N, C-alpha and C. Protein backbone atom coordinates (compact mmCIF):
# COMPACT_ATOMS: atom_id res chain seq x y z
N UNK A 1 0.81 -1.20 -0.04
CA UNK A 1 0.00 -0.01 -0.03
C UNK A 1 0.79 1.18 0.04
N UNK A 2 0.63 2.22 -0.75
CA UNK A 2 1.42 3.45 -0.89
C UNK A 2 1.09 4.38 0.29
N UNK A 3 2.13 5.05 0.58
CA UNK A 3 1.97 6.18 1.57
C UNK A 3 2.36 7.46 1.01
N UNK A 4 1.75 8.48 1.58
CA UNK A 4 2.04 9.85 1.27
C UNK A 4 2.25 10.54 2.55
N UNK A 5 3.59 10.89 2.79
CA UNK A 5 3.97 11.53 4.03
C UNK A 5 4.36 12.96 3.89
N UNK A 6 3.72 13.85 4.84
CA UNK A 6 4.17 15.24 4.86
C UNK A 6 4.80 15.42 6.18
N UNK A 7 6.11 16.00 6.15
CA UNK A 7 6.87 16.01 7.22
C UNK A 7 6.94 14.89 8.07
N UNK A 8 7.10 13.71 7.46
CA UNK A 8 7.28 12.33 8.04
C UNK A 8 6.00 11.84 8.76
N UNK A 9 4.83 12.34 8.50
CA UNK A 9 3.51 11.99 9.04
C UNK A 9 2.69 11.42 7.80
N UNK A 10 2.26 10.19 7.90
CA UNK A 10 1.43 9.60 6.87
C UNK A 10 0.06 10.43 6.93
N UNK A 11 -0.30 11.04 5.80
CA UNK A 11 -1.62 11.76 5.76
C UNK A 11 -2.77 10.84 6.07
N UNK A 12 -2.75 9.57 5.73
CA UNK A 12 -3.89 8.69 5.95
C UNK A 12 -4.22 8.57 7.45
N UNK A 13 -3.12 8.67 8.27
CA UNK A 13 -3.27 8.56 9.76
C UNK A 13 -3.93 9.69 10.40
N UNK A 14 -3.97 10.85 9.83
CA UNK A 14 -4.45 12.09 10.46
C UNK A 14 -5.71 12.53 9.90
N UNK A 15 -6.26 12.06 8.84
CA UNK A 15 -7.44 12.53 8.08
C UNK A 15 -8.56 11.56 8.47
N UNK A 16 -9.73 12.21 8.54
CA UNK A 16 -10.99 11.48 8.75
C UNK A 16 -11.41 10.68 7.57
N UNK A 17 -11.41 9.39 7.50
CA UNK A 17 -11.75 8.52 6.44
C UNK A 17 -13.18 8.70 5.84
N UNK A 18 -14.07 9.15 6.65
CA UNK A 18 -15.36 9.41 6.13
C UNK A 18 -15.55 10.69 5.35
N UNK A 19 -14.98 11.64 5.78
CA UNK A 19 -15.12 12.96 5.06
C UNK A 19 -13.94 13.56 4.31
N UNK A 20 -12.82 12.79 4.33
CA UNK A 20 -11.60 13.39 3.70
C UNK A 20 -10.98 12.55 2.59
N UNK A 21 -10.32 13.11 1.77
CA UNK A 21 -9.66 12.38 0.66
C UNK A 21 -8.28 12.58 0.88
N UNK A 22 -7.48 11.51 1.18
CA UNK A 22 -6.03 11.72 1.53
C UNK A 22 -5.20 12.10 0.33
N UNK A 23 -5.84 12.03 -0.84
CA UNK A 23 -4.98 12.43 -2.11
C UNK A 23 -5.27 13.99 -2.39
N UNK A 24 -6.17 14.64 -1.56
CA UNK A 24 -6.45 16.07 -1.74
C UNK A 24 -6.18 16.68 -0.35
N UNK A 25 -5.15 17.45 -0.09
CA UNK A 25 -4.84 17.98 1.19
C UNK A 25 -3.97 19.19 1.00
N UNK A 26 -3.93 20.03 1.97
CA UNK A 26 -3.09 21.21 1.91
C UNK A 26 -1.65 20.99 2.30
N UNK A 27 -0.78 21.60 1.59
CA UNK A 27 0.69 21.60 1.95
C UNK A 27 1.12 23.00 2.02
N UNK A 28 2.16 23.25 2.76
CA UNK A 28 2.66 24.55 3.10
C UNK A 28 4.17 24.67 2.62
N UNK A 29 4.49 25.87 2.44
CA UNK A 29 5.92 26.15 2.08
C UNK A 29 6.75 25.56 3.16
N UNK A 30 7.82 24.77 2.68
CA UNK A 30 8.79 24.22 3.66
C UNK A 30 8.31 22.84 4.01
N UNK A 31 7.14 22.36 3.66
CA UNK A 31 6.77 20.87 4.00
C UNK A 31 7.59 19.96 3.05
N UNK A 32 7.98 18.80 3.72
CA UNK A 32 8.75 17.76 3.02
C UNK A 32 7.64 16.72 2.61
N UNK A 33 7.59 16.39 1.26
CA UNK A 33 6.60 15.39 0.86
C UNK A 33 7.42 14.17 0.47
N UNK A 34 6.97 12.94 0.88
CA UNK A 34 7.62 11.70 0.68
C UNK A 34 6.60 10.74 0.15
N UNK A 35 6.89 10.07 -0.96
CA UNK A 35 5.92 9.02 -1.53
C UNK A 35 6.68 7.77 -1.48
N UNK A 36 5.94 6.55 -1.21
CA UNK A 36 6.45 5.27 -1.26
C UNK A 36 6.36 4.54 -2.61
N UNK A 37 5.50 5.13 -3.50
CA UNK A 37 5.26 4.49 -4.71
C UNK A 37 6.26 5.07 -5.85
N UNK A 38 6.51 4.21 -6.76
CA UNK A 38 7.39 4.63 -7.80
C UNK A 38 6.66 5.07 -9.06
N UNK A 39 5.23 5.20 -8.95
CA UNK A 39 4.35 5.65 -10.01
C UNK A 39 4.65 7.09 -10.14
N UNK A 40 4.46 7.59 -11.44
CA UNK A 40 4.51 9.13 -11.64
C UNK A 40 3.49 9.86 -10.70
N UNK A 41 3.87 11.07 -10.23
CA UNK A 41 2.90 11.79 -9.44
C UNK A 41 3.06 13.22 -9.83
N UNK A 42 2.00 14.02 -9.40
CA UNK A 42 1.93 15.44 -9.66
C UNK A 42 1.50 16.04 -8.43
N UNK A 43 2.23 17.18 -7.99
CA UNK A 43 1.83 17.89 -6.94
C UNK A 43 1.46 19.33 -7.33
N UNK A 44 0.22 19.72 -7.04
CA UNK A 44 -0.22 21.02 -7.54
C UNK A 44 -0.19 21.99 -6.21
N UNK A 45 0.45 23.07 -6.35
CA UNK A 45 0.71 23.93 -5.22
C UNK A 45 0.19 25.28 -5.59
N UNK A 46 -0.65 25.91 -4.82
CA UNK A 46 -1.18 27.22 -5.03
C UNK A 46 -0.93 28.10 -3.77
N UNK A 47 -0.19 29.16 -3.91
CA UNK A 47 0.07 29.97 -2.84
C UNK A 47 -1.19 30.75 -2.47
N UNK A 48 -1.51 30.89 -1.12
CA UNK A 48 -2.70 31.61 -0.70
C UNK A 48 -2.18 32.98 -0.33
N UNK A 49 -3.09 33.94 -0.79
CA UNK A 49 -2.84 35.38 -0.55
C UNK A 49 -3.69 35.80 0.79
N UNK A 50 -3.07 36.31 1.68
CA UNK A 50 -3.70 36.69 2.87
C UNK A 50 -4.01 38.20 2.93
């Protein structure tokens, strides 16, 4: 099973399985993203303006 870790924390462990999609989550500047899969991937990052 693949894992997607942000800052060494598996996103599936911290999201609500009923209402969340672990493939769609917020990342922030400086976050370290780690994937266990060798499949191609795309990360879309949009900066928020405050």
